[in-house]
Amino acid sequence: MGMGIDVRNRMAMRAAEEITSGMVVNLGIGIPSLVPNHLPRNIQVMFHAENGIVGMGASPEKGWEDENLCNAGGFPVTTIPGSSYCDSAMAFGMIRRGLVDLTILGSLQVSEKGDIANWIVPGKKVPGMGGAMELAQKARKVAVLMYHTDKNGVSKLVKSCSLPLTASNCVDIVITDLAVFKIKEGSMILSELFAPYTIAEVTAKTACEFSIAENLRFIDYERN
């Protein structure tokens, strides 16, 4: 992979491992939007966006952007053969019917039970919740991509969310810049560590209880 895969792309690479051929996948804005750039070529997937695209491809090269083709966050995208367009009502209908296999969302906080708070910090202006509430409730699998702590070093993995909830008991996997956690039956399990971090470092930066998987995986994309 060469030297220096940045943190955001490391997280996106790990999230791409959750995708299998045939899936319909919805990506949140921010780090999740990097995931299509890290898919193996043999994976056939339809990326879904709330603004009405099914079949997004990787980010376009500079100079090849189409001003009329963007994702739900407003960033330019490409499409793959077989892609289609619809209005937002249809796009949300797909989510609400449970037709999205996997959603990869950013978040402000995730609780040890799998609650997610990802849409507002009280007192700050935001454009709205977007599709996060429907996706968190109705996608067959919910993955969260977020930094382990906020800019002040405060853990974003918490016993219970202090910010307004988007949805409760919905998160299946959390991928941070330090580690990967699975959430099963209301309990958080540390399943993977990114090199060079240790269990002790992760524990010190995590504000909730978690158990440690017996077959703990160590991820080092620089070596692989």
Protein backbone atom coordinates (compact mmCIF):
# COMPACT_ATOMS: atom_id res chain seq x y z
CA MET A 1 0.00 0.00 0.00
CA GLY A 2 3.00 2.31 0.30
CA MET A 3 3.77 4.63 3.14
CA GLY A 4 1.34 6.76 5.04
CA ILE A 5 -2.25 5.71 4.42
CA ASP A 6 -3.99 8.54 6.29
CA VAL A 7 -6.28 7.80 9.22
CA ARG A 8 -9.53 8.55 7.37
CA ASN A 9 -8.64 6.21 4.54
CA ARG A 10 -7.56 3.46 6.96
CA MET A 11 -11.00 3.63 8.54
CA ALA A 12 -12.68 3.62 5.13
CA MET A 13 -10.59 0.59 4.06
CA ARG A 14 -11.80 -1.35 7.10
CA ALA A 15 -15.41 -0.34 6.45
CA ALA A 16 -15.09 -1.59 2.86
CA GLU A 17 -14.45 -5.08 4.29
CA GLU A 18 -18.08 -5.12 5.50
CA ILE A 19 -19.36 -5.00 1.92
CA THR A 20 -20.08 -8.14 -0.10
CA SER A 21 -21.26 -8.48 -3.70
CA GLY A 22 -24.94 -7.87 -4.35
CA MET A 23 -25.44 -5.43 -1.48
CA VAL A 24 -27.31 -2.12 -1.60
CA VAL A 25 -25.24 0.21 0.60
CA ASN A 26 -25.93 3.75 1.83
CA LEU A 27 -23.03 6.02 2.79
CA GLY A 28 -23.18 8.95 5.19
CA ILE A 29 -21.25 12.15 4.50
CA GLY A 30 -17.64 12.61 5.62
CA ILE A 31 -15.38 9.59 6.08
CA PRO A 32 -18.02 7.08 4.81
CA SER A 33 -17.93 8.77 1.39
CA LEU A 34 -14.33 7.48 0.98
CA VAL A 35 -15.41 3.81 1.16
CA PRO A 36 -16.06 3.30 -2.60
CA ASN A 37 -12.41 4.18 -3.30
CA HIS A 38 -11.30 1.08 -1.35
CA LEU A 39 -13.49 -1.67 -2.77
CA PRO A 40 -11.86 -4.63 -4.51
CA ARG A 41 -12.71 -4.66 -8.23
CA ASN A 42 -14.53 -7.98 -8.00
CA ILE A 43 -17.12 -6.61 -5.54
CA GLN A 44 -20.38 -5.69 -7.26
CA VAL A 45 -22.31 -3.23 -5.11
CA MET A 46 -25.01 -0.61 -5.60
CA PHE A 47 -24.37 2.51 -3.52
CA HIS A 48 -27.60 4.27 -2.63
CA ALA A 49 -28.00 7.99 -1.80
CA GLU A 50 -31.00 9.80 -0.32
CA ASN A 51 -30.96 12.37 -3.12
CA GLY A 52 -31.98 9.62 -5.54
CA ILE A 53 -29.02 7.68 -6.96
CA VAL A 54 -28.65 3.91 -6.85
CA GLY A 55 -25.29 2.88 -8.28
CA MET A 56 -22.68 5.46 -7.29
CA GLY A 57 -19.05 4.83 -8.24
CA ALA A 58 -15.78 6.22 -6.93
CA SER A 59 -15.03 9.94 -6.66
CA PRO A 60 -14.33 11.52 -10.05
CA GLU A 61 -10.84 12.65 -10.99
CA LYS A 62 -10.18 16.38 -10.85
CA GLY A 63 -11.59 18.01 -13.96
CA TRP A 64 -14.03 15.15 -14.65
CA GLU A 65 -16.75 16.20 -12.19
CA ASP A 66 -20.34 16.45 -13.47
CA GLU A 67 -22.07 19.47 -11.91
CA ASN A 68 -25.40 17.61 -11.96
CA LEU A 69 -24.12 14.42 -10.31
CA CYS A 70 -23.49 14.47 -6.57
CA ASN A 71 -24.13 12.43 -3.44
CA ALA A 72 -26.47 13.41 -0.60
CA GLY A 73 -23.71 15.56 0.90
CA GLY A 74 -23.38 17.57 -2.32
CA PHE A 75 -19.98 16.15 -3.31
CA PRO A 76 -19.34 15.03 -6.91
CA VAL A 77 -19.62 11.31 -7.65
CA THR A 78 -19.54 8.96 -10.61
CA THR A 79 -22.02 6.22 -11.50
CA ILE A 80 -21.49 2.61 -12.53
CA PRO A 81 -23.18 0.67 -15.37
CA GLY A 82 -26.73 -0.21 -14.34
CA SER A 83 -27.16 2.80 -12.08
CA SER A 84 -30.50 4.56 -11.85
CA TYR A 85 -32.03 7.80 -10.62
CA CYS A 86 -35.20 8.49 -8.65
CA ASP A 87 -36.67 11.24 -6.49
CA SER A 88 -35.94 11.50 -2.77
CA ALA A 89 -39.35 10.08 -1.83
CA MET A 90 -38.50 6.86 -3.67
CA ALA A 91 -34.99 6.81 -2.17
CA PHE A 92 -36.45 7.09 1.34
CA GLY A 93 -39.07 4.47 0.47
CA MET A 94 -36.24 2.02 -0.26
CA ILE A 95 -34.75 2.73 3.17
CA ARG A 96 -38.05 2.46 5.05
CA ARG A 97 -38.93 -0.83 3.37
CA GLY A 98 -35.66 -2.33 4.65
CA LEU A 99 -34.12 -2.65 1.18
CA VAL A 100 -30.76 -1.17 2.22
CA ASP A 101 -28.42 -3.97 3.34
CA LEU A 102 -25.80 -1.80 5.01
CA THR A 103 -25.48 1.82 6.01
CA ILE A 104 -22.14 3.37 6.96
CA LEU A 105 -22.67 6.50 9.04
CA GLY A 106 -20.58 9.07 10.82
CA SER A 107 -21.45 9.85 14.43
CA LEU A 108 -20.95 12.25 17.33
CA GLN A 109 -21.50 9.54 19.98
CA VAL A 110 -22.26 5.82 20.17
CA SER A 111 -23.33 4.14 23.41
CA GLU A 112 -22.28 0.71 24.59
CA LYS A 113 -25.82 -0.53 23.84
CA GLY A 114 -25.64 0.63 20.22
CA ASP A 115 -27.52 3.93 20.49
CA ILE A 116 -26.39 6.55 17.97
CA ALA A 117 -26.35 10.35 18.28
CA ASN A 118 -25.15 11.79 15.01
CA TRP A 119 -27.30 14.70 13.94
CA ILE A 120 -27.04 17.69 16.30
CA VAL A 121 -24.96 19.39 18.95
CA PRO A 122 -27.51 21.54 20.84
CA GLY A 123 -27.01 25.24 20.15
CA LYS A 124 -25.28 24.70 16.81
CA LYS A 125 -27.02 25.20 13.48
CA VAL A 126 -27.39 22.08 11.32
CA PRO A 127 -29.08 21.51 7.95
CA GLY A 128 -31.22 18.70 9.40
CA MET A 129 -31.17 15.02 10.23
CA GLY A 130 -31.07 13.86 6.61
CA GLY A 131 -31.75 10.14 6.27
CA ALA A 132 -29.87 9.11 9.42
CA MET A 133 -32.95 8.31 11.49
CA GLU A 134 -34.49 6.05 8.84
CA LEU A 135 -31.17 4.41 7.98
CA ALA A 136 -30.28 3.69 11.61
CA GLN A 137 -33.69 2.10 12.18
CA LYS A 138 -34.24 0.25 8.93
CA ALA A 139 -30.92 -0.74 7.32
CA ARG A 140 -30.19 -4.43 7.84
CA LYS A 141 -26.73 -3.59 9.23
CA VAL A 142 -25.50 -0.30 10.71
CA ALA A 143 -21.79 0.53 10.72
CA VAL A 144 -20.39 3.70 12.28
CA LEU A 145 -17.15 5.37 11.16
CA MET A 146 -15.92 8.03 13.59
CA TYR A 147 -12.89 9.29 15.46
CA HIS A 148 -12.51 7.66 18.88
CA THR A 149 -12.43 11.01 20.68
CA ASP A 150 -13.55 14.54 19.90
CA LYS A 151 -11.17 17.47 19.38
CA ASN A 152 -10.88 17.88 23.16
CA GLY A 153 -9.88 14.25 23.68
CA VAL A 154 -13.29 13.27 25.11
CA SER A 155 -14.43 9.75 24.21
CA LYS A 156 -17.20 9.45 21.64
CA LEU A 157 -17.86 5.88 22.84
CA VAL A 158 -19.98 6.36 25.94
CA LYS A 159 -22.10 4.51 28.48
CA SER A 160 -25.14 6.52 27.43
CA CYS A 161 -25.37 9.32 24.87
CA SER A 162 -25.56 12.86 26.24
CA LEU A 163 -26.49 14.28 22.82
CA PRO A 164 -29.98 13.89 21.29
CA LEU A 165 -30.41 10.37 19.91
CA THR A 166 -30.86 9.59 16.24
CA ALA A 167 -31.94 6.01 17.02
CA SER A 168 -31.48 3.49 19.83
CA ASN A 169 -30.09 -0.08 19.91
CA CYS A 170 -29.22 -0.04 16.22
CA VAL A 171 -25.42 0.02 15.74
CA ASP A 172 -23.77 -3.31 14.80
CA ILE A 173 -20.13 -2.23 14.35
CA VAL A 174 -18.07 0.86 15.20
CA ILE A 175 -14.80 1.58 13.37
CA THR A 176 -12.65 4.32 14.93
CA ASP A 177 -9.14 5.51 14.24
CA LEU A 178 -7.93 3.21 17.05
CA ALA A 179 -10.04 0.07 16.96
CA VAL A 180 -13.12 -1.86 15.81
CA PHE A 181 -15.97 -2.76 18.15
CA LYS A 182 -18.90 -5.10 17.53
CA ILE A 183 -22.13 -4.54 19.45
CA LYS A 184 -24.15 -7.66 20.19
CA GLU A 185 -27.22 -7.88 22.43
CA GLY A 186 -26.49 -4.54 24.06
CA SER A 187 -22.83 -5.25 24.81
CA MET A 188 -19.70 -3.83 23.18
CA ILE A 189 -16.84 -6.13 22.16
CA LEU A 190 -13.38 -4.95 21.11
CA SER A 191 -12.70 -7.15 18.07
CA GLU A 192 -9.81 -5.41 16.25
CA LEU A 193 -6.95 -3.01 16.94
CA PHE A 194 -5.30 -0.73 14.40
CA ALA A 195 -1.50 -0.76 14.56
CA PRO A 196 0.25 0.56 16.61
CA TYR A 197 -2.41 0.95 19.33
CA THR A 198 -2.72 -1.26 22.41
CA ILE A 199 -5.68 -2.48 24.48
CA ALA A 200 -4.50 -0.22 27.31
CA GLU A 201 -4.53 2.88 25.06
CA VAL A 202 -8.00 2.06 23.75
CA THR A 203 -9.32 1.41 27.27
CA ALA A 204 -7.97 4.77 28.47
CA LYS A 205 -9.80 6.60 25.69
CA THR A 206 -13.13 4.73 25.94
CA ALA A 207 -15.84 5.96 28.34
CA CYS A 208 -17.82 2.73 28.50
CA GLU A 209 -17.44 -0.92 29.34
CA PHE A 210 -16.40 -3.43 26.69
CA SER A 211 -15.19 -7.02 26.54
CA ILE A 212 -12.27 -8.23 24.42
CA ALA A 213 -12.74 -10.80 21.67
CA GLU A 214 -10.76 -14.02 22.11
CA ASN A 215 -9.48 -13.84 18.52
CA LEU A 216 -8.48 -10.16 18.60
CA ARG A 217 -7.32 -9.02 15.16
CA PHE A 218 -4.46 -6.58 14.61
CA ILE A 219 -4.84 -4.44 11.47
CA ASP A 220 -1.78 -3.04 9.76
CA TYR A 221 -2.62 -2.04 6.19
CA GLU A 222 0.90 -0.68 5.70
CA ARG A 223 2.30 -4.22 6.01
CA ASN A 224 -0.46 -6.10 4.19
